[in-house]
Amino acid sequence: MSGLTLILVVATIVTGILYAYDFMFKRKTRLANYKAAIAAAPNLSSKEVKKLKEPSGFLGQLGSLFPIILFVFVFRSFIIEPFKIPSGSMMPTLLDGDYIAVTKWNYGIKNPLTGNYIIETEEPKRGDVIVFKYPEDPSVDFIKRIVGLPGDEVYYYNKTIYIKKACNGNDCGSFEPVAKELVGEYALEDAFGLNSKSFEYKEQLGEVAHNILINPNIAEPYAYYYKQEGLGVATWKVPKDHYFVMGDNRDNSRDSRFWGFVSKDAIVGKTIGIWMSLGDRAKDDSLPAWLPTFRFERLGGID
């Protein structure tokens, strides 16, 4: 459970208790005083009427916040949660400065305190972009794309994904390459501020067609890949109720290739779109450089 979730839980309980106390023990007296005041002085101002009808004192005012806090808690826990994850690992799908909306119901309803599923709905699909708790540090939220489903075998060679899909029989077929088609060049700045040429491809994962970035000049770091017992280098078999995920910026993503798999319980939700996007201003812009520019063209759903 994240710190913000804990704060919302405590705030909901505290304000709920105060709201219930006011409703059961003070509201009747307050309404009686209000009716008496109206009868004695029908021309009371709206400000005076409001003061008579609302709870008084600090605790009363705090309790009046309960409906608002409850709405925020329910909306964030069970419907949609906003995120900003500053990472270049999902380029070109997501850029630094994108604010994303993540649905909390696609895969089921979770207990916001424990993270366990109360009701399960549909299973995560190949190609879904998900936010999840980073397995090596659950306090950190990561965002990647699902590549391998439970039971799949995934092989990554020469910048291409190969998948042997899960099956129940003895003959499970062979590894099939994930189709990708060259779109064009994509210029990026490296850590030294120099242009680093990558290539943009359109890749087909399940029913999802999306773009990825590949830098042919970066060698595969096989020595750092997660080694699964009984399998060769850069080959992984996805366990039950787990998923193999990768970033769309293939040569700038610390993902399942390096640390393993994402459990279903660790999934926070499915990313459905960008609700706000802020970028840096052009050097010749008349406005101050520290003032971000809104990238309205990026708003909407994602592939």
Protein backbone atom coordinates (compact mmCIF):
# COMPACT_ATOMS: atom_id res chain seq x y z
CA MET A 1 0.00 0.00 0.00
CA SER A 2 1.43 3.38 -1.03
CA GLY A 3 1.85 6.31 1.36
CA LEU A 4 -0.90 8.30 -0.37
CA THR A 5 -3.32 5.36 -0.13
CA LEU A 6 -2.61 5.06 3.60
CA ILE A 7 -3.20 8.79 4.08
CA LEU A 8 -6.51 8.56 2.20
CA VAL A 9 -7.60 5.54 4.26
CA VAL A 10 -6.85 7.30 7.55
CA ALA A 11 -8.46 10.55 6.37
CA THR A 12 -11.58 8.68 5.22
CA ILE A 13 -11.94 6.87 8.57
CA VAL A 14 -11.33 9.99 10.70
CA THR A 15 -13.63 12.30 8.74
CA GLY A 16 -16.22 9.49 8.49
CA ILE A 17 -16.33 9.14 12.29
CA LEU A 18 -16.68 12.91 12.72
CA TYR A 19 -19.35 13.07 10.01
CA ALA A 20 -21.33 10.23 11.64
CA TYR A 21 -21.06 11.83 15.10
CA ASP A 22 -22.33 15.16 13.76
CA PHE A 23 -25.17 13.44 11.86
CA MET A 24 -26.35 11.44 14.88
CA PHE A 25 -25.89 13.94 17.70
CA LYS A 26 -25.68 17.51 16.37
CA ARG A 27 -27.54 17.71 13.09
CA LYS A 28 -31.05 17.58 14.62
CA THR A 29 -30.28 20.45 17.04
CA ARG A 30 -28.63 22.48 14.28
CA LEU A 31 -31.64 22.11 11.96
CA ALA A 32 -34.02 23.06 14.77
CA ASN A 33 -31.99 26.22 15.43
CA TYR A 34 -32.00 26.97 11.72
CA LYS A 35 -35.81 26.69 11.45
CA ALA A 36 -36.25 28.87 14.54
CA ALA A 37 -33.90 31.51 13.14
CA ILE A 38 -35.71 31.55 9.78
CA ALA A 39 -39.08 31.93 11.54
CA ALA A 40 -37.77 34.82 13.64
CA ALA A 41 -35.89 36.55 10.82
CA PRO A 42 -37.09 35.47 7.34
CA ASN A 43 -34.73 37.88 5.60
CA LEU A 44 -31.49 36.29 6.76
CA SER A 45 -28.66 36.57 4.21
CA SER A 46 -27.47 33.48 2.37
CA LYS A 47 -24.20 33.65 4.26
CA GLU A 48 -26.01 33.58 7.62
CA VAL A 49 -28.26 30.72 6.46
CA LYS A 50 -25.24 28.72 5.34
CA LYS A 51 -23.56 29.27 8.69
CA LEU A 52 -26.63 28.01 10.56
CA LYS A 53 -26.95 24.84 8.44
CA GLU A 54 -23.29 23.82 8.39
CA PRO A 55 -21.35 22.10 11.20
CA SER A 56 -19.45 24.48 13.45
CA GLY A 57 -16.00 24.24 15.00
CA PHE A 58 -12.84 22.61 13.66
CA LEU A 59 -13.98 19.02 14.14
CA GLY A 60 -17.36 19.74 12.58
CA GLN A 61 -15.76 21.35 9.55
CA LEU A 62 -13.33 18.46 9.27
CA GLY A 63 -16.19 15.97 9.30
CA SER A 64 -17.93 17.87 6.50
CA LEU A 65 -15.00 16.93 4.23
CA PHE A 66 -15.92 13.24 4.47
CA PRO A 67 -17.99 13.02 1.23
CA ILE A 68 -15.19 14.67 -0.77
CA ILE A 69 -12.42 12.50 0.71
CA LEU A 70 -14.55 9.37 0.28
CA PHE A 71 -15.12 10.22 -3.40
CA VAL A 72 -11.39 10.75 -4.00
CA PHE A 73 -10.54 7.50 -2.20
CA VAL A 74 -13.11 5.42 -4.13
CA PHE A 75 -12.28 7.05 -7.49
CA ARG A 76 -8.54 6.58 -7.06
CA SER A 77 -8.78 3.06 -5.62
CA PHE A 78 -11.37 1.51 -7.92
CA ILE A 79 -11.83 3.65 -11.05
CA ILE A 80 -8.94 5.73 -12.43
CA GLU A 81 -5.64 6.87 -10.94
CA PRO A 82 -3.45 9.55 -12.53
CA PHE A 83 0.29 8.96 -12.84
CA LYS A 84 3.37 10.76 -14.03
CA ILE A 85 6.27 8.39 -14.50
CA PRO A 86 9.38 10.27 -15.66
CA SER A 87 11.02 7.67 -17.84
CA GLY A 88 12.25 7.46 -21.40
CA SER A 89 11.78 3.68 -21.44
CA MET A 90 8.37 3.86 -23.15
CA MET A 91 9.33 6.20 -26.00
CA PRO A 92 7.91 6.83 -28.53
CA THR A 93 4.56 5.74 -26.99
CA LEU A 94 5.05 7.91 -23.89
CA LEU A 95 7.33 10.91 -23.48
CA ASP A 96 8.80 12.55 -20.42
CA GLY A 97 6.16 15.03 -19.24
CA ASP A 98 3.17 12.85 -20.15
CA TYR A 99 0.55 12.39 -17.45
CA ILE A 100 -1.31 9.13 -17.87
CA ALA A 101 -4.66 7.74 -16.76
CA VAL A 102 -4.65 4.20 -15.39
CA THR A 103 -7.87 2.21 -15.00
CA LYS A 104 -8.26 0.16 -11.84
CA TRP A 105 -11.05 -2.17 -12.96
CA ASN A 106 -9.82 -3.81 -16.19
CA TYR A 107 -8.26 -6.80 -14.48
CA GLY A 108 -10.46 -6.84 -11.38
CA ILE A 109 -11.32 -5.03 -8.17
CA LYS A 110 -8.52 -4.95 -5.60
CA ASN A 111 -8.48 -4.47 -1.86
CA PRO A 112 -6.79 -1.03 -1.62
CA LEU A 113 -5.15 -2.00 1.69
CA THR A 114 -3.59 -5.33 0.70
CA GLY A 115 -3.47 -5.15 -3.11
CA ASN A 116 -5.12 -8.58 -3.44
CA TYR A 117 -7.96 -9.12 -5.90
CA ILE A 118 -11.49 -9.16 -4.48
CA ILE A 119 -13.12 -9.72 -7.87
CA GLU A 120 -11.22 -10.76 -11.00
CA THR A 121 -12.53 -9.70 -14.41
CA GLU A 122 -10.45 -10.10 -17.57
CA GLU A 123 -6.89 -11.31 -17.85
CA PRO A 124 -4.08 -8.93 -18.91
CA LYS A 125 -3.46 -9.18 -22.64
CA ARG A 126 -0.33 -9.19 -24.75
CA GLY A 127 0.38 -5.60 -25.78
CA ASP A 128 -1.28 -3.95 -22.76
CA VAL A 129 0.64 -1.05 -21.22
CA ILE A 130 0.51 -1.52 -17.45
CA VAL A 131 1.63 0.28 -14.31
CA PHE A 132 2.95 -2.08 -11.63
CA LYS A 133 4.94 -2.20 -8.43
CA TYR A 134 8.60 -2.66 -9.33
CA PRO A 135 9.55 -6.15 -8.09
CA GLU A 136 12.94 -5.00 -6.75
CA ASP A 137 11.38 -2.04 -4.88
CA PRO A 138 7.57 -2.19 -4.47
CA SER A 139 7.47 1.45 -3.35
CA VAL A 140 8.31 2.45 -6.95
CA ASP A 141 5.76 2.42 -9.80
CA PHE A 142 6.99 1.18 -13.19
CA ILE A 143 5.31 1.28 -16.57
CA LYS A 144 5.99 -1.27 -19.34
CA ARG A 145 4.22 -3.25 -22.05
CA ILE A 146 3.17 -6.89 -21.61
CA VAL A 147 5.09 -9.15 -24.00
CA GLY A 148 4.82 -12.63 -22.48
CA LEU A 149 1.76 -14.24 -20.87
CA PRO A 150 1.75 -17.04 -18.27
CA GLY A 151 3.21 -20.21 -19.80
CA ASP A 152 4.84 -18.41 -22.74
CA GLU A 153 8.52 -18.75 -23.54
CA VAL A 154 10.20 -15.52 -24.63
CA TYR A 155 13.49 -15.28 -26.50
CA TYR A 156 15.18 -11.97 -27.36
CA TYR A 157 17.83 -12.01 -30.05
CA ASN A 158 19.18 -9.42 -32.49
CA LYS A 159 16.66 -6.78 -31.28
CA THR A 160 13.73 -9.08 -32.07
CA ILE A 161 11.25 -10.78 -29.73
CA TYR A 162 10.50 -14.46 -30.33
CA ILE A 163 7.56 -16.07 -28.53
CA LYS A 164 6.57 -19.70 -28.07
CA LYS A 165 2.99 -19.39 -26.86
CA ALA A 166 1.70 -21.36 -23.89
CA CYS A 167 -0.10 -24.61 -24.66
CA ASN A 168 -1.38 -27.66 -22.78
CA GLY A 169 -0.17 -30.39 -25.12
CA ASN A 170 3.22 -31.94 -25.75
CA ASP A 171 3.83 -30.14 -29.05
CA CYS A 172 3.79 -26.46 -28.25
CA GLY A 173 5.13 -25.36 -31.59
CA SER A 174 8.23 -23.25 -32.03
CA PHE A 175 9.39 -19.70 -31.37
CA GLU A 176 7.74 -17.20 -33.70
CA PRO A 177 9.23 -13.71 -34.23
CA VAL A 178 7.06 -10.76 -33.31
CA ALA A 179 6.45 -8.89 -36.57
CA LYS A 180 7.97 -5.45 -36.89
CA GLU A 181 8.19 -3.02 -39.79
CA LEU A 182 10.61 -0.11 -40.17
CA VAL A 183 8.95 3.31 -39.89
CA GLY A 184 11.97 5.60 -40.04
CA GLU A 185 14.79 7.22 -38.10
CA TYR A 186 14.30 8.75 -34.66
CA ALA A 187 16.80 11.29 -33.27
CA LEU A 188 17.47 11.20 -29.53
CA GLU A 189 19.88 13.03 -27.26
CA ASP A 190 22.13 10.76 -25.23
CA ALA A 191 23.43 11.42 -21.71
CA PHE A 192 26.08 13.79 -23.13
CA GLY A 193 23.59 15.89 -25.09
CA LEU A 194 24.70 14.40 -28.41
CA ASN A 195 22.31 13.09 -31.04
CA SER A 196 22.01 9.33 -31.00
CA LYS A 197 20.29 7.79 -34.00
CA SER A 198 17.65 5.16 -33.33
CA PHE A 199 15.20 3.51 -35.68
CA GLU A 200 11.47 3.48 -35.17
CA TYR A 201 9.57 0.29 -35.95
CA LYS A 202 5.90 -0.63 -35.87
CA GLU A 203 5.56 -3.83 -33.88
CA GLN A 204 2.55 -6.14 -33.61
CA LEU A 205 1.99 -7.66 -30.16
CA GLY A 206 -1.24 -9.62 -30.12
CA GLU A 207 -3.97 -7.28 -31.35
CA VAL A 208 -1.91 -4.18 -30.52
CA ALA A 209 0.17 -2.39 -33.17
CA HIS A 210 2.54 0.10 -31.56
CA ASN A 211 5.85 1.80 -32.27
CA ILE A 212 9.18 0.93 -30.68
CA LEU A 213 12.70 2.37 -30.78
CA ILE A 214 15.84 0.37 -31.49
CA ASN A 215 19.42 1.62 -31.45
CA PRO A 216 21.51 -0.73 -33.64
CA ASN A 217 24.75 0.66 -32.20
CA ILE A 218 24.03 -0.60 -28.68
CA ALA A 219 25.10 -4.18 -28.10
CA GLU A 220 22.86 -6.60 -26.22
CA PRO A 221 23.92 -6.69 -22.53
CA TYR A 222 23.53 -10.46 -22.27
CA ALA A 223 25.79 -10.64 -19.21
CA TYR A 224 23.24 -8.61 -17.24
CA TYR A 225 20.12 -10.44 -18.36
CA TYR A 226 18.06 -12.34 -15.81
CA LYS A 227 19.12 -16.00 -15.94
CA GLN A 228 16.34 -18.51 -15.44
CA GLU A 229 17.36 -21.96 -14.27
CA GLY A 230 17.30 -24.58 -17.02
CA LEU A 231 17.06 -22.06 -19.87
CA GLY A 232 19.61 -20.43 -22.14
CA VAL A 233 20.70 -16.80 -22.11
CA ALA A 234 18.01 -14.33 -23.15
CA THR A 235 15.32 -17.02 -22.88
CA TRP A 236 12.61 -16.91 -20.24
CA LYS A 237 9.54 -19.03 -19.39
CA VAL A 238 6.78 -17.00 -17.79
CA PRO A 239 5.45 -18.54 -14.54
CA LYS A 240 1.77 -18.90 -13.68
CA ASP A 241 0.07 -15.59 -12.77
CA HIS A 242 3.12 -13.63 -13.94
CA TYR A 243 3.96 -11.54 -17.00
CA PHE A 244 7.05 -10.67 -19.02
CA VAL A 245 7.19 -6.93 -19.73
CA MET A 246 9.41 -4.68 -21.84
CA GLY A 247 9.74 -0.99 -22.56
CA ASP A 248 9.07 0.33 -26.07
CA ASN A 249 12.46 2.05 -26.05
CA ARG A 250 14.19 -1.31 -26.23
CA ASP A 251 17.78 -0.17 -25.65
CA ASN A 252 16.89 2.19 -22.81
CA SER A 253 14.63 0.11 -20.60
CA ARG A 254 15.31 -1.84 -17.43
CA ASP A 255 12.60 -4.46 -17.72
CA SER A 256 11.90 -8.19 -17.39
CA ARG A 257 15.05 -8.98 -19.36
CA PHE A 258 17.06 -7.81 -16.34
CA TRP A 259 14.97 -8.65 -13.25
CA GLY A 260 12.37 -11.27 -14.18
CA PHE A 261 8.59 -11.19 -14.08
CA VAL A 262 5.67 -9.11 -12.81
CA SER A 263 3.10 -10.91 -10.67
CA LYS A 264 -0.57 -10.23 -11.36
CA ASP A 265 -1.04 -8.93 -7.81
CA ALA A 266 1.68 -6.31 -8.43
CA ILE A 267 -0.24 -4.77 -11.37
CA VAL A 268 -1.72 -1.39 -10.42
CA GLY A 269 -3.79 -1.00 -13.57
CA LYS A 270 -3.95 -0.64 -17.33
CA THR A 271 -2.86 2.59 -19.02
CA ILE A 272 -5.63 3.95 -21.23
CA GLY A 273 -4.45 7.38 -22.30
CA ILE A 274 -2.66 10.68 -21.76
CA TRP A 275 -4.70 13.36 -19.96
CA MET A 276 -2.00 16.05 -19.84
CA SER A 277 1.40 16.50 -21.47
CA LEU A 278 3.99 19.15 -20.62
CA GLY A 279 7.16 19.81 -22.61
CA ASP A 280 10.10 22.19 -22.73
CA ARG A 281 9.78 25.45 -24.60
CA ALA A 282 11.72 26.16 -27.79
CA LYS A 283 14.88 28.22 -27.34
CA ASP A 284 13.45 31.09 -29.39
CA ASP A 285 10.17 31.20 -27.43
CA SER A 286 9.37 34.61 -25.91
CA LEU A 287 8.06 33.08 -22.67
CA PRO A 288 10.42 32.04 -19.81
CA ALA A 289 12.17 28.70 -20.33
CA TRP A 290 11.01 27.42 -16.92
CA LEU A 291 7.37 27.73 -17.98
CA PRO A 292 6.31 24.42 -19.61
CA THR A 293 4.36 24.24 -22.83
CA PHE A 294 1.20 22.17 -23.19
CA ARG A 295 1.39 19.45 -25.84
CA PHE A 296 -2.30 19.25 -26.68
CA GLU A 297 -1.61 17.02 -29.70
CA ARG A 298 -0.51 14.20 -27.35
CA LEU A 299 -3.79 14.02 -25.39
CA GLY A 300 -5.94 10.93 -25.89
CA GLY A 301 -5.61 7.16 -25.99
CA ILE A 302 -2.42 5.20 -26.58
CA ASP A 303 -1.61 2.07 -28.56
